Amino acid sequence: GVAPRTVTFLASSRWRGVRGAVGPDSPVPK
């Protein structure tokens, strides 16, 4: 599960760059 979990996290990080990361007041992972 390492590869799919990593890909999912990195992909969601890019997607959350538009919506905000952990919360609207937290930084977006680059």
PDB file of all heavy atoms in Angstrom:
ATOM      1  N   GLY A   1       0.789  -1.223   0.000  1.00  0.00           N
ATOM      2  CA  GLY A   1       0.000   0.000   0.000  1.00  0.00           C
ATOM      3  C   GLY A   1       0.819   1.270   0.000  1.00  0.00           C
ATOM      4  O   GLY A   1       0.253   2.369  -0.090  1.00  0.00           O
ATOM      5  N   VAL A   2       2.147   1.150   0.095  1.00  0.00           N
ATOM      6  CA  VAL A   2       2.993   2.338   0.197  1.00  0.00           C
ATOM      7  C   VAL A   2       2.848   3.223  -1.038  1.00  0.00           C
ATOM      8  O   VAL A   2       2.617   4.432  -0.937  1.00  0.00           O
ATOM      9  CB  VAL A   2       4.467   1.947   0.405  1.00  0.00           C
ATOM     10  CG1 VAL A   2       5.382   3.163   0.224  1.00  0.00           C
ATOM     11  CG2 VAL A   2       4.659   1.349   1.795  1.00  0.00           C
ATOM     12  N   ALA A   3       2.993   2.647  -2.228  1.00  0.00           N
ATOM     13  CA  ALA A   3       2.948   3.441  -3.460  1.00  0.00           C
ATOM     14  C   ALA A   3       1.596   4.127  -3.657  1.00  0.00           C
ATOM     15  O   ALA A   3       1.543   5.342  -3.872  1.00  0.00           O
ATOM     16  CB  ALA A   3       3.304   2.572  -4.663  1.00  0.00           C
ATOM     17  N   PRO A   4       0.469   3.397  -3.580  1.00  0.00           N
ATOM     18  CA  PRO A   4      -0.812   4.080  -3.793  1.00  0.00           C
ATOM     19  C   PRO A   4      -1.108   5.145  -2.747  1.00  0.00           C
ATOM     20  O   PRO A   4      -1.671   6.204  -3.057  1.00  0.00           O
ATOM     21  CB  PRO A   4      -1.850   2.951  -3.759  1.00  0.00           C
ATOM     22  CG  PRO A   4      -1.156   1.769  -3.186  1.00  0.00           C
ATOM     23  CD  PRO A   4       0.289   1.920  -3.496  1.00  0.00           C
ATOM     24  N   ARG A   5      -0.729   4.907  -1.481  1.00  0.00           N
ATOM     25  CA  ARG A   5      -0.980   5.909  -0.438  1.00  0.00           C
ATOM     26  C   ARG A   5      -0.142   7.160  -0.689  1.00  0.00           C
ATOM     27  O   ARG A   5      -0.612   8.289  -0.485  1.00  0.00           O
ATOM     28  CB  ARG A   5      -0.683   5.326   0.952  1.00  0.00           C
ATOM     29  CG  ARG A   5      -1.758   4.373   1.447  1.00  0.00           C
ATOM     30  CD  ARG A   5      -1.320   3.672   2.730  1.00  0.00           C
ATOM     31  NE  ARG A   5      -1.175   4.601   3.828  1.00  0.00           N
ATOM     32  CZ  ARG A   5      -2.125   4.872   4.719  1.00  0.00           C
ATOM     33  NH1 ARG A   5      -3.317   4.316   4.590  1.00  0.00           N
ATOM     34  NH2 ARG A   5      -1.908   5.694   5.714  1.00  0.00           N
ATOM     35  N   THR A   6       1.094   6.955  -1.138  1.00  0.00           N
ATOM     36  CA  THR A   6       1.958   8.096  -1.424  1.00  0.00           C
ATOM     37  C   THR A   6       1.404   8.909  -2.589  1.00  0.00           C
ATOM     38  O   THR A   6       1.314  10.143  -2.526  1.00  0.00           O
ATOM     39  CB  THR A   6       3.385   7.615  -1.751  1.00  0.00           C
ATOM     40  OG1 THR A   6       3.914   6.919  -0.617  1.00  0.00           O
ATOM     41  CG2 THR A   6       4.288   8.789  -2.097  1.00  0.00           C
ATOM     42  N   VAL A   7       1.038   8.205  -3.669  1.00  0.00           N
ATOM     43  CA  VAL A   7       0.509   8.894  -4.847  1.00  0.00           C
ATOM     44  C   VAL A   7      -0.769   9.647  -4.492  1.00  0.00           C
ATOM     45  O   VAL A   7      -0.971  10.794  -4.905  1.00  0.00           O
ATOM     46  CB  VAL A   7       0.269   7.893  -5.989  1.00  0.00           C
ATOM     47  CG1 VAL A   7      -0.501   8.554  -7.124  1.00  0.00           C
ATOM     48  CG2 VAL A   7       1.597   7.337  -6.489  1.00  0.00           C
ATOM     49  N   THR A   8      -1.645   9.017  -3.718  1.00  0.00           N
ATOM     50  CA  THR A   8      -2.900   9.662  -3.340  1.00  0.00           C
ATOM     51  C   THR A   8      -2.648  10.931  -2.538  1.00  0.00           C
ATOM     52  O   THR A   8      -3.269  11.973  -2.778  1.00  0.00           O
ATOM     53  CB  THR A   8      -3.761   8.690  -2.510  1.00  0.00           C
ATOM     54  OG1 THR A   8      -4.076   7.548  -3.303  1.00  0.00           O
ATOM     55  CG2 THR A   8      -5.047   9.361  -2.045  1.00  0.00           C
ATOM     56  N   PHE A   9      -1.712  10.857  -1.579  1.00  0.00           N
ATOM     57  CA  PHE A   9      -1.419  12.033  -0.763  1.00  0.00           C
ATOM     58  C   PHE A   9      -0.838  13.165  -1.609  1.00  0.00           C
ATOM     59  O   PHE A   9      -1.266  14.320  -1.498  1.00  0.00           O
ATOM     60  CB  PHE A   9      -0.431  11.674   0.348  1.00  0.00           C
ATOM     61  CG  PHE A   9       0.055  12.866   1.125  1.00  0.00           C
ATOM     62  CD1 PHE A   9      -0.752  13.461   2.080  1.00  0.00           C
ATOM     63  CD2 PHE A   9       1.307  13.402   0.894  1.00  0.00           C
ATOM     64  CE1 PHE A   9      -0.323  14.573   2.799  1.00  0.00           C
ATOM     65  CE2 PHE A   9       1.748  14.512   1.604  1.00  0.00           C
ATOM     66  CZ  PHE A   9       0.940  15.098   2.559  1.00  0.00           C
ATOM     67  N   LEU A  10       0.128  12.839  -2.470  1.00  0.00           N
ATOM     68  CA  LEU A  10       0.755  13.881  -3.276  1.00  0.00           C
ATOM     69  C   LEU A  10      -0.240  14.488  -4.263  1.00  0.00           C
ATOM     70  O   LEU A  10      -0.260  15.706  -4.482  1.00  0.00           O
ATOM     71  CB  LEU A  10       1.964  13.313  -4.010  1.00  0.00           C
ATOM     72  CG  LEU A  10       3.124  12.842  -3.105  1.00  0.00           C
ATOM     73  CD1 LEU A  10       4.213  12.186  -3.939  1.00  0.00           C
ATOM     74  CD2 LEU A  10       3.693  14.000  -2.304  1.00  0.00           C
ATOM     75  N   ALA A  11      -1.074  13.635  -4.857  1.00  0.00           N
ATOM     76  CA  ALA A  11      -2.072  14.151  -5.799  1.00  0.00           C
ATOM     77  C   ALA A  11      -3.093  15.036  -5.088  1.00  0.00           C
ATOM     78  O   ALA A  11      -3.469  16.100  -5.588  1.00  0.00           O
ATOM     79  CB  ALA A  11      -2.779  12.987  -6.496  1.00  0.00           C
ATOM     80  N   SER A  12      -3.533  14.611  -3.919  1.00  0.00           N
ATOM     81  CA  SER A  12      -4.514  15.420  -3.183  1.00  0.00           C
ATOM     82  C   SER A  12      -3.886  16.721  -2.710  1.00  0.00           C
ATOM     83  O   SER A  12      -4.569  17.741  -2.606  1.00  0.00           O
ATOM     84  CB  SER A  12      -5.070  14.643  -1.991  1.00  0.00           C
ATOM     85  OG  SER A  12      -4.058  14.384  -1.037  1.00  0.00           O
ATOM     86  N   SER A  13      -2.567  16.708  -2.435  1.00  0.00           N
ATOM     87  CA  SER A  13      -1.887  17.932  -2.022  1.00  0.00           C
ATOM     88  C   SER A  13      -1.913  18.957  -3.144  1.00  0.00           C
ATOM     89  O   SER A  13      -2.145  20.151  -2.922  1.00  0.00           O
ATOM     90  CB  SER A  13      -0.444  17.632  -1.606  1.00  0.00           C
ATOM     91  OG  SER A  13      -0.401  16.801  -0.470  1.00  0.00           O
ATOM     92  N   ARG A  14      -1.691  18.510  -4.375  1.00  0.00           N
ATOM     93  CA  ARG A  14      -1.754  19.421  -5.513  1.00  0.00           C
ATOM     94  C   ARG A  14      -3.174  19.941  -5.697  1.00  0.00           C
ATOM     95  O   ARG A  14      -3.392  21.132  -5.930  1.00  0.00           O
ATOM     96  CB  ARG A  14      -1.286  18.713  -6.789  1.00  0.00           C
ATOM     97  CG  ARG A  14       0.202  18.381  -6.798  1.00  0.00           C
ATOM     98  CD  ARG A  14       0.569  17.640  -8.067  1.00  0.00           C
ATOM     99  NE  ARG A  14       0.358  18.484  -9.243  1.00  0.00           N
ATOM    100  CZ  ARG A  14       1.260  19.311  -9.750  1.00  0.00           C
ATOM    101  NH1 ARG A  14       2.449  19.422  -9.184  1.00  0.00           N
ATOM    102  NH2 ARG A  14       1.001  20.040 -10.809  1.00  0.00           N
ATOM    103  N   TRP A  15      -4.154  19.056  -5.550  1.00  0.00           N
ATOM    104  CA  TRP A  15      -5.551  19.455  -5.712  1.00  0.00           C
ATOM    105  C   TRP A  15      -5.977  20.421  -4.613  1.00  0.00           C
ATOM    106  O   TRP A  15      -6.640  21.413  -4.857  1.00  0.00           O
ATOM    107  CB  TRP A  15      -6.436  18.215  -5.694  1.00  0.00           C
ATOM    108  CG  TRP A  15      -7.900  18.522  -5.762  1.00  0.00           C
ATOM    109  CD1 TRP A  15      -8.595  19.038  -6.824  1.00  0.00           C
ATOM    110  CD2 TRP A  15      -8.866  18.324  -4.725  1.00  0.00           C
ATOM    111  NE1 TRP A  15      -9.927  19.170  -6.512  1.00  0.00           N
ATOM    112  CE2 TRP A  15     -10.120  18.734  -5.226  1.00  0.00           C
ATOM    113  CE3 TRP A  15      -8.786  17.823  -3.426  1.00  0.00           C
ATOM    114  CZ2 TRP A  15     -11.281  18.667  -4.474  1.00  0.00           C
ATOM    115  CZ3 TRP A  15      -9.945  17.760  -2.677  1.00  0.00           C
ATOM    116  CH2 TRP A  15     -11.166  18.181  -3.209  1.00  0.00           C
ATOM    117  N   ARG A  16      -5.509  20.145  -3.381  1.00  0.00           N
ATOM    118  CA  ARG A  16      -5.881  21.002  -2.271  1.00  0.00           C
ATOM    119  C   ARG A  16      -5.206  22.365  -2.362  1.00  0.00           C
ATOM    120  O   ARG A  16      -5.546  23.275  -1.620  1.00  0.00           O
ATOM    121  CB  ARG A  16      -5.517  20.331  -0.940  1.00  0.00           C
ATOM    122  CG  ARG A  16      -6.447  19.184  -0.589  1.00  0.00           C
ATOM    123  CD  ARG A  16      -6.107  18.589   0.752  1.00  0.00           C
ATOM    124  NE  ARG A  16      -4.753  18.074   0.784  1.00  0.00           N
ATOM    125  CZ  ARG A  16      -4.217  17.493   1.861  1.00  0.00           C
ATOM    126  NH1 ARG A  16      -4.906  17.388   2.966  1.00  0.00           N
ATOM    127  NH2 ARG A  16      -2.976  17.039   1.813  1.00  0.00           N
ATOM    128  N   GLY A  17      -4.244  22.509  -3.258  1.00  0.00           N
ATOM    129  CA  GLY A  17      -3.630  23.814  -3.438  1.00  0.00           C
ATOM    130  C   GLY A  17      -4.642  24.850  -3.869  1.00  0.00           C
ATOM    131  O   GLY A  17      -4.470  26.040  -3.639  1.00  0.00           O
ATOM    132  N   VAL A  18      -5.740  24.429  -4.499  1.00  0.00           N
ATOM    133  CA  VAL A  18      -6.792  25.347  -4.908  1.00  0.00           C
ATOM    134  C   VAL A  18      -7.780  25.568  -3.760  1.00  0.00           C
ATOM    135  O   VAL A  18      -8.276  26.663  -3.549  1.00  0.00           O
ATOM    136  CB  VAL A  18      -7.539  24.783  -6.141  1.00  0.00           C
ATOM    137  CG1 VAL A  18      -8.645  25.728  -6.572  1.00  0.00           C
ATOM    138  CG2 VAL A  18      -6.550  24.550  -7.282  1.00  0.00           C
ATOM    139  N   ARG A  19      -8.026  24.529  -2.986  1.00  0.00           N
ATOM    140  CA  ARG A  19      -9.072  24.582  -1.963  1.00  0.00           C
ATOM    141  C   ARG A  19      -8.539  24.875  -0.562  1.00  0.00           C
ATOM    142  O   ARG A  19      -9.304  25.037   0.363  1.00  0.00           O
ATOM    143  CB  ARG A  19      -9.796  23.231  -1.911  1.00  0.00           C
ATOM    144  CG  ARG A  19     -10.380  22.767  -3.212  1.00  0.00           C
ATOM    145  CD  ARG A  19     -10.986  21.381  -3.073  1.00  0.00           C
ATOM    146  NE  ARG A  19     -12.049  21.350  -2.067  1.00  0.00           N
ATOM    147  CZ  ARG A  19     -11.941  20.743  -0.902  1.00  0.00           C
ATOM    148  NH1 ARG A  19     -10.829  20.125  -0.578  1.00  0.00           N
ATOM    149  NH2 ARG A  19     -12.937  20.750  -0.047  1.00  0.00           N
ATOM    150  N   GLY A  20      -7.241  24.864  -0.382  1.00  0.00           N
ATOM    151  CA  GLY A  20      -6.688  24.933   0.960  1.00  0.00           C
ATOM    152  C   GLY A  20      -6.258  23.542   1.378  1.00  0.00           C
ATOM    153  O   GLY A  20      -6.830  22.555   0.953  1.00  0.00           O
ATOM    154  N   ALA A  21      -5.217  23.444   2.185  1.00  0.00           N
ATOM    155  CA  ALA A  21      -4.654  22.142   2.542  1.00  0.00           C
ATOM    156  C   ALA A  21      -5.398  21.526   3.723  1.00  0.00           C
ATOM    157  O   ALA A  21      -6.564  21.161   3.616  1.00  0.00           O
ATOM    158  CB  ALA A  21      -3.172  22.284   2.847  1.00  0.00           C
ATOM    159  N   VAL A  22      -4.751  21.382   4.856  1.00  0.00           N
ATOM    160  CA  VAL A  22      -5.405  20.777   6.018  1.00  0.00           C
ATOM    161  C   VAL A  22      -6.608  21.612   6.429  1.00  0.00           C
ATOM    162  O   VAL A  22      -7.638  21.108   6.836  1.00  0.00           O
ATOM    163  CB  VAL A  22      -4.390  20.675   7.181  1.00  0.00           C
ATOM    164  CG1 VAL A  22      -5.080  20.186   8.433  1.00  0.00           C
ATOM    165  CG2 VAL A  22      -3.253  19.750   6.785  1.00  0.00           C
ATOM    166  N   GLY A  23      -6.470  22.905   6.317  1.00  0.00           N
ATOM    167  CA  GLY A  23      -7.544  23.842   6.611  1.00  0.00           C
ATOM    168  C   GLY A  23      -7.285  25.118   5.847  1.00  0.00           C
ATOM    169  O   GLY A  23      -6.187  25.320   5.331  1.00  0.00           O
ATOM    170  N   PRO A  24      -8.244  26.012   5.770  1.00  0.00           N
ATOM    171  CA  PRO A  24      -8.050  27.240   5.008  1.00  0.00           C
ATOM    172  C   PRO A  24      -6.954  28.132   5.579  1.00  0.00           C
ATOM    173  O   PRO A  24      -6.473  29.027   4.904  1.00  0.00           O
ATOM    174  CB  PRO A  24      -9.429  27.928   5.095  1.00  0.00           C
ATOM    175  CG  PRO A  24     -10.073  27.331   6.306  1.00  0.00           C
ATOM    176  CD  PRO A  24      -9.577  25.927   6.379  1.00  0.00           C
ATOM    177  N   ASP A  25      -6.554  27.858   6.861  1.00  0.00           N
ATOM    178  CA  ASP A  25      -5.542  28.679   7.492  1.00  0.00           C
ATOM    179  C   ASP A  25      -4.219  27.943   7.649  1.00  0.00           C
ATOM    180  O   ASP A  25      -3.370  28.325   8.439  1.00  0.00           O
ATOM    181  CB  ASP A  25      -6.027  29.151   8.873  1.00  0.00           C
ATOM    182  CG  ASP A  25      -6.790  28.049   9.598  1.00  0.00           C
ATOM    183  OD1 ASP A  25      -6.580  26.873   9.272  1.00  0.00           O
ATOM    184  OD2 ASP A  25      -7.604  28.374  10.475  1.00  0.00           O
ATOM    185  N   SER A  26      -4.024  26.852   6.911  1.00  0.00           N
ATOM    186  CA  SER A  26      -2.769  26.104   6.974  1.00  0.00           C
ATOM    187  C   SER A  26      -2.089  26.129   5.611  1.00  0.00           C
ATOM    188  O   SER A  26      -2.755  26.269   4.583  1.00  0.00           O
ATOM    189  CB  SER A  26      -3.034  24.653   7.391  1.00  0.00           C
ATOM    190  OG  SER A  26      -3.823  23.997   6.431  1.00  0.00           O
ATOM    191  N   PRO A  27      -0.759  25.993   5.584  1.00  0.00           N
ATOM    192  CA  PRO A  27      -0.046  26.081   4.312  1.00  0.00           C
ATOM    193  C   PRO A  27      -0.257  24.852   3.444  1.00  0.00           C
ATOM    194  O   PRO A  27      -0.538  23.764   3.924  1.00  0.00           O
ATOM    195  CB  PRO A  27       1.418  26.195   4.749  1.00  0.00           C
ATOM    196  CG  PRO A  27       1.464  25.525   6.072  1.00  0.00           C
ATOM    197  CD  PRO A  27       0.146  25.805   6.722  1.00  0.00           C
ATOM    198  N   VAL A  28      -0.121  25.046   2.155  1.00  0.00           N
ATOM    199  CA  VAL A  28      -0.286  23.965   1.191  1.00  0.00           C
ATOM    200  C   VAL A  28       1.059  23.269   0.982  1.00  0.00           C
ATOM    201  O   VAL A  28       2.064  23.928   0.766  1.00  0.00           O
ATOM    202  CB  VAL A  28      -0.777  24.519  -0.159  1.00  0.00           C
ATOM    203  CG1 VAL A  28      -0.891  23.407  -1.188  1.00  0.00           C
ATOM    204  CG2 VAL A  28      -2.105  25.226   0.028  1.00  0.00           C
ATOM    205  N   PRO A  29       1.105  21.931   1.090  1.00  0.00           N
ATOM    206  CA  PRO A  29       2.355  21.247   0.803  1.00  0.00           C
ATOM    207  C   PRO A  29       2.782  21.480  -0.644  1.00  0.00           C
ATOM    208  O   PRO A  29       1.983  21.316  -1.568  1.00  0.00           O
ATOM    209  CB  PRO A  29       2.023  19.767   1.038  1.00  0.00           C
ATOM    210  CG  PRO A  29       0.777  19.763   1.841  1.00  0.00           C
ATOM    211  CD  PRO A  29       0.023  20.998   1.440  1.00  0.00           C
ATOM    212  N   LYS A  30       4.008  21.893  -0.839  1.00  0.00           N
ATOM    213  CA  LYS A  30       4.538  22.054  -2.185  1.00  0.00           C
ATOM    214  C   LYS A  30       5.131  20.724  -2.622  1.00  0.00           C
ATOM    215  O   LYS A  30       6.081  20.222  -2.029  1.00  0.00           O
ATOM    216  CB  LYS A  30       5.608  23.149  -2.221  1.00  0.00           C
ATOM    217  CG  LYS A  30       6.133  23.419  -3.621  1.00  0.00           C
ATOM    218  CD  LYS A  30       7.163  24.553  -3.609  1.00  0.00           C
ATOM    219  CE  LYS A  30       7.681  24.813  -5.030  1.00  0.00           C
ATOM    220  NZ  LYS A  30       8.703  25.905  -5.036  1.00  0.00           N
TER     221      LYS A  30
END
